[in-house]
Amino acid sequence: MANVIATPRNASGGTGVPWPRRRLTLLAGLVVGLAVCCAYAQPSARPLPALSLDVEGKIANTNDAAHRTYHFSEAQLLALPAHTITTSTTWTPRSTFTGPRLADILKAVGAHGTEIEFRTFDDYTYSVPVTDCERYGVIVAYSMNGQRLKLSDFGPLFLIYPRDAFPDELTGAVGDSKFIWQIKALIVK
């Protein structure tokens, strides 16, 4: 014997729910569904920054109209010789970081200062001496373990020192402050 589910009907043969209310329920369901679909289709509220770097200050080479800044596009940064440093940081396990040497960036812009001020997307600034380039072979990493760095994981650019090779010099608060992430600009002083 088949199971039969009885649905009460009104005098006009309907299911007991007045037609205007059914239409309103259907319309509300469509509106909610459309809102959910549109929310997933929208770009994130905070767009990811492109891989780029602006360098200004005591530099001989510029490429902007005002002749004050050298803007590295993604293609220009990726065209610089890539170097790797495998090290741990206070925030990451031992990882392999890849990017151009800071010395190569400074050479490309004709830098002639003694200090570099780094500026980040979260408005942090910190200065390191130019001599760190030669002493440590510092890189400006754009990837970690083969994955491009995103803003949410120290990117798009992360200043990396070989901390494991110089633990006495690059560990602790002073050493940690040199590992600068979310870099967007350098000012040569």
N, C-alpha and C. Protein backbone atom coordinates (compact mmCIF):
# COMPACT_ATOMS: atom_id res chain seq x y z
N MET A 1 0.84 -1.16 0.00
CA MET A 1 0.00 0.00 0.00
C MET A 1 0.89 1.24 0.00
N ALA A 2 0.59 2.21 -0.78
CA ALA A 2 1.38 3.43 -0.91
C ALA A 2 1.08 4.38 0.22
N ASN A 3 2.12 5.10 0.66
CA ASN A 3 1.92 6.13 1.68
C ASN A 3 1.33 7.35 1.01
N VAL A 4 0.34 7.90 1.59
CA VAL A 4 -0.32 9.08 1.05
C VAL A 4 -0.19 10.18 2.09
N ILE A 5 0.27 11.34 1.63
CA ILE A 5 0.37 12.49 2.52
C ILE A 5 -0.77 13.42 2.16
N ALA A 6 -1.57 13.69 3.13
CA ALA A 6 -2.73 14.54 2.88
C ALA A 6 -2.34 15.99 3.16
N THR A 7 -2.68 16.85 2.23
CA THR A 7 -2.45 18.27 2.39
C THR A 7 -3.81 18.94 2.39
N PRO A 8 -4.13 19.66 3.45
CA PRO A 8 -5.45 20.31 3.48
C PRO A 8 -5.57 21.33 2.36
N ARG A 9 -6.73 21.36 1.76
CA ARG A 9 -6.97 22.30 0.67
C ARG A 9 -8.12 23.21 1.07
N ASN A 10 -8.07 24.41 0.52
CA ASN A 10 -9.17 25.32 0.79
C ASN A 10 -10.26 25.14 -0.27
N ALA A 11 -11.25 25.96 -0.23
CA ALA A 11 -12.40 25.80 -1.12
C ALA A 11 -12.02 25.95 -2.58
N SER A 12 -11.03 26.71 -2.89
CA SER A 12 -10.66 26.90 -4.30
C SER A 12 -9.67 25.85 -4.78
N GLY A 13 -9.35 24.87 -3.94
CA GLY A 13 -8.45 23.80 -4.35
C GLY A 13 -7.00 24.08 -4.02
N GLY A 14 -6.70 25.18 -3.35
CA GLY A 14 -5.33 25.51 -2.98
C GLY A 14 -4.86 24.70 -1.79
N THR A 15 -3.64 24.91 -1.40
CA THR A 15 -3.04 24.11 -0.32
C THR A 15 -3.25 24.71 1.06
N GLY A 16 -4.02 25.66 1.21
CA GLY A 16 -4.26 26.24 2.51
C GLY A 16 -3.44 27.50 2.76
N VAL A 17 -2.40 27.74 1.96
CA VAL A 17 -1.60 28.94 2.08
C VAL A 17 -2.10 29.90 1.01
N PRO A 18 -2.57 31.05 1.39
CA PRO A 18 -3.10 31.98 0.38
C PRO A 18 -2.04 32.31 -0.67
N TRP A 19 -2.48 32.41 -1.92
CA TRP A 19 -1.59 32.66 -3.06
C TRP A 19 -0.69 33.88 -2.86
N PRO A 20 -1.17 35.03 -2.39
CA PRO A 20 -0.26 36.17 -2.20
C PRO A 20 0.87 35.85 -1.22
N ARG A 21 0.60 35.09 -0.19
CA ARG A 21 1.65 34.75 0.76
C ARG A 21 2.65 33.79 0.12
N ARG A 22 2.19 32.85 -0.68
CA ARG A 22 3.11 31.94 -1.37
C ARG A 22 4.01 32.73 -2.32
N ARG A 23 3.42 33.69 -3.04
CA ARG A 23 4.23 34.52 -3.95
C ARG A 23 5.26 35.33 -3.18
N LEU A 24 4.86 35.87 -2.04
CA LEU A 24 5.76 36.65 -1.22
C LEU A 24 6.90 35.77 -0.68
N THR A 25 6.59 34.56 -0.25
CA THR A 25 7.61 33.63 0.23
C THR A 25 8.57 33.27 -0.90
N LEU A 26 8.04 32.99 -2.07
CA LEU A 26 8.86 32.66 -3.23
C LEU A 26 9.76 33.85 -3.60
N LEU A 27 9.20 35.04 -3.62
CA LEU A 27 9.98 36.24 -3.93
C LEU A 27 11.08 36.48 -2.91
N ALA A 28 10.77 36.29 -1.62
CA ALA A 28 11.79 36.46 -0.58
C ALA A 28 12.92 35.44 -0.75
N GLY A 29 12.58 34.22 -1.09
CA GLY A 29 13.59 33.19 -1.34
C GLY A 29 14.49 33.55 -2.51
N LEU A 30 13.90 34.07 -3.57
CA LEU A 30 14.69 34.49 -4.73
C LEU A 30 15.63 35.65 -4.39
N VAL A 31 15.13 36.60 -3.62
CA VAL A 31 15.96 37.75 -3.23
C VAL A 31 17.14 37.28 -2.37
N VAL A 32 16.90 36.41 -1.41
CA VAL A 32 17.99 35.90 -0.56
C VAL A 32 18.99 35.12 -1.41
N GLY A 33 18.50 34.26 -2.29
CA GLY A 33 19.39 33.49 -3.16
C GLY A 33 20.24 34.38 -4.05
N LEU A 34 19.63 35.41 -4.62
CA LEU A 34 20.35 36.35 -5.47
C LEU A 34 21.40 37.12 -4.67
N ALA A 35 21.06 37.51 -3.46
CA ALA A 35 22.02 38.24 -2.61
C ALA A 35 23.23 37.36 -2.28
N VAL A 36 22.99 36.09 -2.00
CA VAL A 36 24.09 35.18 -1.70
C VAL A 36 24.97 35.01 -2.93
N CYS A 37 24.37 34.81 -4.10
CA CYS A 37 25.15 34.66 -5.33
C CYS A 37 25.98 35.90 -5.62
N CYS A 38 25.38 37.07 -5.46
CA CYS A 38 26.10 38.32 -5.74
C CYS A 38 27.23 38.53 -4.74
N ALA A 39 27.05 38.13 -3.51
CA ALA A 39 28.10 38.30 -2.51
C ALA A 39 29.33 37.49 -2.89
N TYR A 40 29.13 36.28 -3.42
CA TYR A 40 30.27 35.47 -3.83
C TYR A 40 30.90 35.98 -5.11
N ALA A 41 30.15 36.67 -5.93
CA ALA A 41 30.68 37.17 -7.20
C ALA A 41 31.46 38.47 -7.05
N GLN A 42 31.25 39.20 -5.94
CA GLN A 42 31.92 40.48 -5.74
C GLN A 42 33.40 40.27 -5.45
N PRO A 43 34.25 41.16 -5.94
CA PRO A 43 35.66 41.06 -5.55
C PRO A 43 35.78 41.37 -4.07
N SER A 44 36.88 40.92 -3.47
CA SER A 44 37.06 41.16 -2.04
C SER A 44 37.08 42.65 -1.76
N ALA A 45 36.67 42.99 -0.56
CA ALA A 45 36.58 44.40 -0.19
C ALA A 45 37.95 45.08 -0.25
N ARG A 46 39.00 44.34 0.01
CA ARG A 46 40.34 44.91 -0.03
C ARG A 46 41.12 44.21 -1.13
N PRO A 47 41.26 44.84 -2.29
CA PRO A 47 41.94 44.18 -3.39
C PRO A 47 43.40 43.89 -3.05
N LEU A 48 43.90 42.79 -3.59
CA LEU A 48 45.29 42.44 -3.36
C LEU A 48 46.20 43.39 -4.12
N PRO A 49 47.24 43.86 -3.47
CA PRO A 49 48.17 44.75 -4.18
C PRO A 49 48.97 43.95 -5.21
N ALA A 50 49.28 44.60 -6.31
CA ALA A 50 50.09 43.96 -7.34
C ALA A 50 51.53 43.89 -6.86
N LEU A 51 52.27 42.98 -7.44
CA LEU A 51 53.69 42.89 -7.13
C LEU A 51 54.37 44.07 -7.80
N SER A 52 54.76 45.05 -7.01
CA SER A 52 55.42 46.25 -7.51
C SER A 52 56.20 46.87 -6.36
N LEU A 53 57.06 47.80 -6.71
CA LEU A 53 57.88 48.46 -5.69
C LEU A 53 58.26 49.84 -6.18
N ASP A 54 58.09 50.85 -5.34
CA ASP A 54 58.52 52.21 -5.65
C ASP A 54 59.77 52.52 -4.84
N VAL A 55 60.78 53.07 -5.52
CA VAL A 55 62.02 53.47 -4.86
C VAL A 55 62.23 54.95 -5.13
N GLU A 56 62.51 55.70 -4.08
CA GLU A 56 62.77 57.13 -4.24
C GLU A 56 63.87 57.56 -3.28
N GLY A 57 64.19 58.82 -3.29
CA GLY A 57 65.24 59.34 -2.41
C GLY A 57 66.52 59.57 -3.21
N LYS A 58 67.64 59.16 -2.66
CA LYS A 58 68.94 59.37 -3.29
C LYS A 58 69.19 58.30 -4.35
N ILE A 59 68.53 58.51 -5.51
CA ILE A 59 68.68 57.57 -6.62
C ILE A 59 68.98 58.36 -7.90
N ALA A 60 69.74 57.75 -8.79
CA ALA A 60 70.11 58.41 -10.05
C ALA A 60 69.12 58.10 -11.17
N ASN A 61 68.48 56.95 -11.12
CA ASN A 61 67.57 56.52 -12.19
C ASN A 61 66.12 56.58 -11.73
N THR A 62 65.29 57.23 -12.55
CA THR A 62 63.85 57.31 -12.26
C THR A 62 63.10 56.93 -13.53
N ASN A 63 61.83 56.59 -13.38
CA ASN A 63 61.01 56.31 -14.56
C ASN A 63 59.60 56.89 -14.44
N ASP A 64 59.43 57.88 -13.58
CA ASP A 64 58.15 58.57 -13.49
C ASP A 64 58.27 59.95 -14.11
N ALA A 65 57.14 60.56 -14.38
CA ALA A 65 57.13 61.87 -15.05
C ALA A 65 57.80 62.96 -14.23
N ALA A 66 57.72 62.89 -12.92
CA ALA A 66 58.31 63.91 -12.06
C ALA A 66 59.79 63.67 -11.79
N HIS A 67 60.32 62.57 -12.28
CA HIS A 67 61.74 62.21 -12.09
C HIS A 67 62.13 62.12 -10.62
N ARG A 68 61.25 61.53 -9.82
CA ARG A 68 61.53 61.36 -8.39
C ARG A 68 61.51 59.90 -7.95
N THR A 69 60.85 59.04 -8.71
CA THR A 69 60.62 57.67 -8.30
C THR A 69 61.00 56.69 -9.39
N TYR A 70 61.49 55.54 -8.99
CA TYR A 70 61.64 54.43 -9.91
C TYR A 70 60.59 53.41 -9.50
N HIS A 71 59.64 53.16 -10.40
CA HIS A 71 58.56 52.21 -10.14
C HIS A 71 58.92 50.89 -10.81
N PHE A 72 59.10 49.85 -10.00
CA PHE A 72 59.32 48.50 -10.51
C PHE A 72 57.96 47.85 -10.70
N SER A 73 57.67 47.43 -11.91
CA SER A 73 56.46 46.65 -12.17
C SER A 73 56.74 45.20 -11.80
N GLU A 74 55.72 44.38 -11.84
CA GLU A 74 55.91 42.96 -11.56
C GLU A 74 56.92 42.35 -12.53
N ALA A 75 56.78 42.68 -13.81
CA ALA A 75 57.70 42.13 -14.81
C ALA A 75 59.15 42.54 -14.53
N GLN A 76 59.36 43.79 -14.12
CA GLN A 76 60.71 44.26 -13.83
C GLN A 76 61.29 43.58 -12.59
N LEU A 77 60.48 43.38 -11.57
CA LEU A 77 60.96 42.69 -10.38
C LEU A 77 61.31 41.23 -10.69
N LEU A 78 60.46 40.58 -11.47
CA LEU A 78 60.70 39.18 -11.81
C LEU A 78 61.87 39.02 -12.77
N ALA A 79 62.22 40.09 -13.50
CA ALA A 79 63.35 40.03 -14.43
C ALA A 79 64.70 40.15 -13.72
N LEU A 80 64.70 40.67 -12.50
CA LEU A 80 65.95 40.75 -11.73
C LEU A 80 66.38 39.33 -11.36
N PRO A 81 67.69 39.08 -11.24
CA PRO A 81 68.13 37.74 -10.85
C PRO A 81 67.49 37.31 -9.53
N ALA A 82 66.93 36.11 -9.51
CA ALA A 82 66.28 35.59 -8.31
C ALA A 82 67.30 34.83 -7.47
N HIS A 83 67.25 35.07 -6.18
CA HIS A 83 68.13 34.40 -5.21
C HIS A 83 67.26 33.80 -4.13
N THR A 84 67.79 32.81 -3.43
CA THR A 84 67.03 32.18 -2.36
C THR A 84 67.80 32.24 -1.05
N ILE A 85 67.03 32.32 0.01
CA ILE A 85 67.57 32.19 1.37
C ILE A 85 66.65 31.19 2.07
N THR A 86 67.24 30.15 2.60
CA THR A 86 66.48 29.19 3.40
C THR A 86 66.80 29.47 4.85
N THR A 87 65.78 29.86 5.58
CA THR A 87 65.96 30.27 6.98
C THR A 87 64.62 30.22 7.70
N SER A 88 64.67 30.30 9.00
CA SER A 88 63.44 30.46 9.79
C SER A 88 63.34 31.93 10.18
N THR A 89 62.14 32.32 10.55
CA THR A 89 61.94 33.65 11.12
C THR A 89 61.12 33.45 12.39
N THR A 90 60.91 34.48 13.12
CA THR A 90 60.06 34.38 14.31
C THR A 90 58.64 33.99 13.94
N TRP A 91 58.22 34.30 12.70
CA TRP A 91 56.83 34.10 12.28
C TRP A 91 56.65 32.91 11.36
N THR A 92 57.75 32.33 10.86
CA THR A 92 57.64 31.21 9.93
C THR A 92 58.61 30.11 10.32
N PRO A 93 58.25 28.87 10.01
CA PRO A 93 59.23 27.80 10.20
C PRO A 93 60.33 27.94 9.14
N ARG A 94 61.34 27.11 9.22
CA ARG A 94 62.41 27.13 8.21
C ARG A 94 61.76 26.99 6.83
N SER A 95 61.99 27.98 5.99
CA SER A 95 61.37 28.04 4.67
C SER A 95 62.37 28.56 3.66
N THR A 96 62.07 28.35 2.39
CA THR A 96 62.91 28.88 1.32
C THR A 96 62.22 30.09 0.72
N PHE A 97 62.88 31.23 0.82
CA PHE A 97 62.36 32.50 0.30
C PHE A 97 63.10 32.84 -0.98
N THR A 98 62.37 33.38 -1.95
CA THR A 98 62.95 33.72 -3.26
C THR A 98 62.61 35.14 -3.63
N GLY A 99 63.60 35.85 -4.20
CA GLY A 99 63.40 37.21 -4.68
C GLY A 99 64.73 37.82 -5.06
N PRO A 100 64.70 39.03 -5.57
CA PRO A 100 65.96 39.69 -5.94
C PRO A 100 66.72 40.14 -4.70
N ARG A 101 68.02 40.26 -4.85
CA ARG A 101 68.81 40.84 -3.76
C ARG A 101 68.48 42.32 -3.65
N LEU A 102 68.45 42.81 -2.44
CA LEU A 102 68.24 44.24 -2.22
C LEU A 102 69.34 45.02 -2.92
N ALA A 103 70.55 44.50 -2.95
CA ALA A 103 71.66 45.17 -3.63
C ALA A 103 71.38 45.34 -5.12
N ASP A 104 70.72 44.36 -5.75
CA ASP A 104 70.40 44.47 -7.18
C ASP A 104 69.34 45.55 -7.44
N ILE A 105 68.40 45.67 -6.54
CA ILE A 105 67.38 46.73 -6.66
C ILE A 105 68.05 48.09 -6.53
N LEU A 106 68.92 48.24 -5.54
CA LEU A 106 69.62 49.52 -5.33
C LEU A 106 70.52 49.85 -6.51
N LYS A 107 71.16 48.85 -7.08
CA LYS A 107 72.02 49.08 -8.24
C LYS A 107 71.20 49.52 -9.44
N ALA A 108 70.03 48.93 -9.65
CA ALA A 108 69.17 49.28 -10.78
C ALA A 108 68.71 50.74 -10.74
N VAL A 109 68.54 51.27 -9.54
CA VAL A 109 68.07 52.66 -9.41
C VAL A 109 69.21 53.64 -9.22
N GLY A 110 70.44 53.14 -9.17
CA GLY A 110 71.58 54.02 -8.96
C GLY A 110 71.56 54.66 -7.59
N ALA A 111 71.28 53.87 -6.56
CA ALA A 111 71.20 54.41 -5.20
C ALA A 111 72.57 54.86 -4.71
N HIS A 112 72.60 55.97 -3.98
CA HIS A 112 73.84 56.48 -3.42
C HIS A 112 73.63 57.03 -2.01
N GLY A 113 72.99 56.21 -1.21
CA GLY A 113 72.76 56.58 0.19
C GLY A 113 73.38 55.56 1.12
N THR A 114 73.18 55.76 2.40
CA THR A 114 73.75 54.85 3.41
C THR A 114 72.67 54.09 4.19
N GLU A 115 71.43 54.46 3.96
CA GLU A 115 70.33 53.87 4.72
C GLU A 115 69.11 53.72 3.82
N ILE A 116 68.33 52.69 4.05
CA ILE A 116 67.10 52.47 3.28
C ILE A 116 65.93 52.42 4.24
N GLU A 117 64.96 53.29 4.02
CA GLU A 117 63.74 53.26 4.81
C GLU A 117 62.70 52.45 4.04
N PHE A 118 62.13 51.45 4.70
CA PHE A 118 61.10 50.61 4.10
C PHE A 118 59.74 51.10 4.56
N ARG A 119 58.80 51.14 3.62
CA ARG A 119 57.42 51.51 3.93
C ARG A 119 56.52 50.35 3.53
N THR A 120 55.52 50.10 4.36
CA THR A 120 54.67 48.93 4.14
C THR A 120 53.21 49.31 3.95
N PHE A 121 52.42 48.34 3.52
CA PHE A 121 50.99 48.57 3.31
C PHE A 121 50.26 48.84 4.62
N ASP A 122 50.80 48.39 5.74
CA ASP A 122 50.15 48.66 7.02
C ASP A 122 50.79 49.86 7.75
N ASP A 123 51.45 50.72 6.97
CA ASP A 123 52.02 51.99 7.45
C ASP A 123 53.16 51.83 8.45
N TYR A 124 53.86 50.73 8.40
CA TYR A 124 55.05 50.53 9.22
C TYR A 124 56.24 51.07 8.45
N THR A 125 57.16 51.70 9.15
CA THR A 125 58.41 52.14 8.51
C THR A 125 59.57 51.69 9.39
N TYR A 126 60.64 51.30 8.72
CA TYR A 126 61.85 50.87 9.43
C TYR A 126 63.02 51.07 8.49
N SER A 127 64.17 51.46 9.03
CA SER A 127 65.35 51.70 8.22
C SER A 127 66.44 50.68 8.52
N VAL A 128 67.12 50.27 7.47
CA VAL A 128 68.27 49.36 7.62
C VAL A 128 69.45 49.99 6.89
N PRO A 129 70.67 49.70 7.35
CA PRO A 129 71.84 50.26 6.67
C PRO A 129 72.10 49.56 5.34
N VAL A 130 72.59 50.29 4.37
CA VAL A 130 72.93 49.73 3.06
C VAL A 130 73.98 48.63 3.22
N THR A 131 74.82 48.75 4.23
CA THR A 131 75.88 47.75 4.44
C THR A 131 75.31 46.35 4.71
N ASP A 132 74.05 46.24 5.13
CA ASP A 132 73.43 44.93 5.33
C ASP A 132 73.34 44.14 4.02
N CYS A 133 73.29 44.85 2.90
CA CYS A 133 73.21 44.18 1.59
C CYS A 133 74.41 43.28 1.37
N GLU A 134 75.59 43.82 1.61
CA GLU A 134 76.81 43.06 1.39
C GLU A 134 77.04 42.06 2.53
N ARG A 135 76.82 42.48 3.74
CA ARG A 135 77.10 41.62 4.90
C ARG A 135 76.24 40.37 4.90
N TYR A 136 74.95 40.51 4.62
CA TYR A 136 74.03 39.39 4.75
C TYR A 136 73.46 38.86 3.43
N GLY A 137 73.65 39.58 2.34
CA GLY A 137 73.03 39.14 1.08
C GLY A 137 71.51 39.16 1.14
N VAL A 138 70.97 40.19 1.75
CA VAL A 138 69.53 40.34 1.98
C VAL A 138 68.74 40.26 0.67
N ILE A 139 67.59 39.59 0.71
CA ILE A 139 66.72 39.56 -0.47
C ILE A 139 65.38 40.20 -0.15
N VAL A 140 64.71 40.63 -1.21
CA VAL A 140 63.34 41.13 -1.11
C VAL A 140 62.48 40.03 -1.72
N ALA A 141 61.99 39.15 -0.86
CA ALA A 141 61.30 37.93 -1.32
C ALA A 141 59.89 38.21 -1.81
N TYR A 142 59.54 37.53 -2.90
CA TYR A 142 58.16 37.55 -3.40
C TYR A 142 57.52 36.18 -3.32
N SER A 143 58.31 35.15 -2.91
CA SER A 143 57.71 33.84 -2.72
C SER A 143 58.35 33.12 -1.53
N MET A 144 57.57 32.21 -0.96
CA MET A 144 58.02 31.38 0.15
C MET A 144 57.64 29.95 -0.20
N ASN A 145 58.64 29.08 -0.22
CA ASN A 145 58.44 27.67 -0.57
C ASN A 145 57.72 27.51 -1.90
N GLY A 146 58.08 28.35 -2.85
CA GLY A 146 57.53 28.27 -4.20
C GLY A 146 56.17 28.90 -4.38
N GLN A 147 55.58 29.46 -3.34
CA GLN A 147 54.26 30.09 -3.43
C GLN A 147 54.41 31.60 -3.33
N ARG A 148 53.76 32.30 -4.25
CA ARG A 148 53.80 33.76 -4.23
C ARG A 148 53.21 34.27 -2.94
N LEU A 149 53.89 35.21 -2.31
CA LEU A 149 53.42 35.79 -1.06
C LEU A 149 52.23 36.71 -1.32
N LYS A 150 51.22 36.59 -0.48
CA LYS A 150 50.03 37.44 -0.55
C LYS A 150 50.07 38.41 0.63
N LEU A 151 49.26 39.41 0.57
CA LEU A 151 49.20 40.39 1.64
C LEU A 151 48.91 39.72 2.98
N SER A 152 48.11 38.67 2.98
CA SER A 152 47.75 37.98 4.21
C SER A 152 48.87 37.08 4.74
N ASP A 153 49.92 36.84 3.95
CA ASP A 153 51.03 36.02 4.43
C ASP A 153 52.37 36.67 4.11
N PHE A 154 52.53 37.91 4.57
CA PHE A 154 53.78 38.67 4.54
C PHE A 154 54.09 39.34 3.20
N GLY A 155 53.25 39.19 2.21
CA GLY A 155 53.54 39.73 0.89
C GLY A 155 52.97 41.11 0.68
N PRO A 156 53.11 41.62 -0.48
CA PRO A 156 53.67 40.94 -1.64
C PRO A 156 55.20 40.84 -1.61
N LEU A 157 55.86 41.65 -0.77
CA LEU A 157 57.33 41.60 -0.66
C LEU A 157 57.72 41.55 0.81
N PHE A 158 58.74 40.73 1.10
CA PHE A 158 59.16 40.46 2.48
C PHE A 158 60.69 40.51 2.52
N LEU A 159 61.26 41.42 3.32
CA LEU A 159 62.71 41.54 3.45
C LEU A 159 63.22 40.37 4.29
N ILE A 160 64.12 39.58 3.70
CA ILE A 160 64.60 38.36 4.34
C ILE A 160 66.11 38.40 4.53
N TYR A 161 66.51 38.13 5.75
CA TYR A 161 67.91 37.98 6.13
C TYR A 161 68.17 36.49 6.38
N PRO A 162 69.40 36.03 6.24
CA PRO A 162 69.72 34.62 6.54
C PRO A 162 69.90 34.43 8.06
N ARG A 163 68.81 34.50 8.78
CA ARG A 163 68.84 34.48 10.23
C ARG A 163 69.54 33.23 10.79
N ASP A 164 69.28 32.08 10.18
CA ASP A 164 69.87 30.85 10.72
C ASP A 164 71.39 30.84 10.58
N ALA A 165 71.91 31.56 9.60
CA ALA A 165 73.37 31.62 9.40
C ALA A 165 74.03 32.62 10.35
N PHE A 166 73.26 33.56 10.89
CA PHE A 166 73.77 34.59 11.80
C PHE A 166 72.88 34.69 13.04
N PRO A 167 72.70 33.60 13.77
CA PRO A 167 71.74 33.64 14.89
C PRO A 167 72.09 34.65 15.98
N ASP A 168 73.38 34.87 16.23
CA ASP A 168 73.75 35.82 17.28
C ASP A 168 73.43 37.25 16.91
N GLU A 169 73.42 37.55 15.60
CA GLU A 169 73.19 38.92 15.13
C GLU A 169 71.74 39.19 14.72
N LEU A 170 71.03 38.15 14.31
CA LEU A 170 69.70 38.36 13.73
C LEU A 170 68.56 37.73 14.53
N THR A 171 68.80 37.40 15.78
CA THR A 171 67.76 36.86 16.64
C THR A 171 67.47 37.87 17.74
N GLY A 172 66.25 37.88 18.19
CA GLY A 172 65.84 38.84 19.22
C GLY A 172 65.13 40.03 18.61
N ALA A 173 64.79 40.99 19.42
CA ALA A 173 63.99 42.13 18.98
C ALA A 173 64.67 42.94 17.88
N VAL A 174 65.96 43.19 18.01
CA VAL A 174 66.66 43.99 16.99
C VAL A 174 66.70 43.23 15.66
N GLY A 175 67.02 41.94 15.72
CA GLY A 175 67.04 41.13 14.51
C GLY A 175 65.66 41.00 13.89
N ASP A 176 64.64 40.76 14.71
CA ASP A 176 63.28 40.62 14.21
C ASP A 176 62.78 41.87 13.49
N SER A 177 63.20 43.02 13.97
CA SER A 177 62.71 44.27 13.37
C SER A 177 63.19 44.44 11.93
N LYS A 178 64.24 43.72 11.53
CA LYS A 178 64.76 43.83 10.16
C LYS A 178 63.94 43.02 9.17
N PHE A 179 63.16 42.07 9.65
CA PHE A 179 62.31 41.26 8.77
C PHE A 179 61.03 42.04 8.51
N ILE A 180 61.01 42.77 7.42
CA ILE A 180 59.92 43.70 7.13
C ILE A 180 59.04 43.08 6.05
N TRP A 181 57.75 43.01 6.31
CA TRP A 181 56.83 42.43 5.32
C TRP A 181 55.83 43.45 4.84
N GLN A 182 55.07 43.06 3.81
CA GLN A 182 54.09 43.92 3.14
C GLN A 182 54.74 45.20 2.59
N ILE A 183 55.93 45.05 2.04
CA ILE A 183 56.69 46.21 1.54
C ILE A 183 56.03 46.76 0.29
N LYS A 184 55.93 48.10 0.24
CA LYS A 184 55.43 48.77 -0.95
C LYS A 184 56.41 49.81 -1.50
N ALA A 185 57.33 50.32 -0.66
CA ALA A 185 58.22 51.37 -1.13
C ALA A 185 59.51 51.41 -0.31
N LEU A 186 60.56 51.93 -0.96
CA LEU A 186 61.85 52.15 -0.31
C LEU A 186 62.23 53.61 -0.51
N ILE A 187 62.84 54.19 0.50
CA ILE A 187 63.39 55.54 0.37
C ILE A 187 64.87 55.45 0.73
N VAL A 188 65.71 55.79 -0.23
CA VAL A 188 67.15 55.74 -0.02
C VAL A 188 67.56 57.05 0.61
N LYS A 189 68.25 56.99 1.73
CA LYS A 189 68.65 58.20 2.47
C LYS A 189 70.16 58.27 2.58
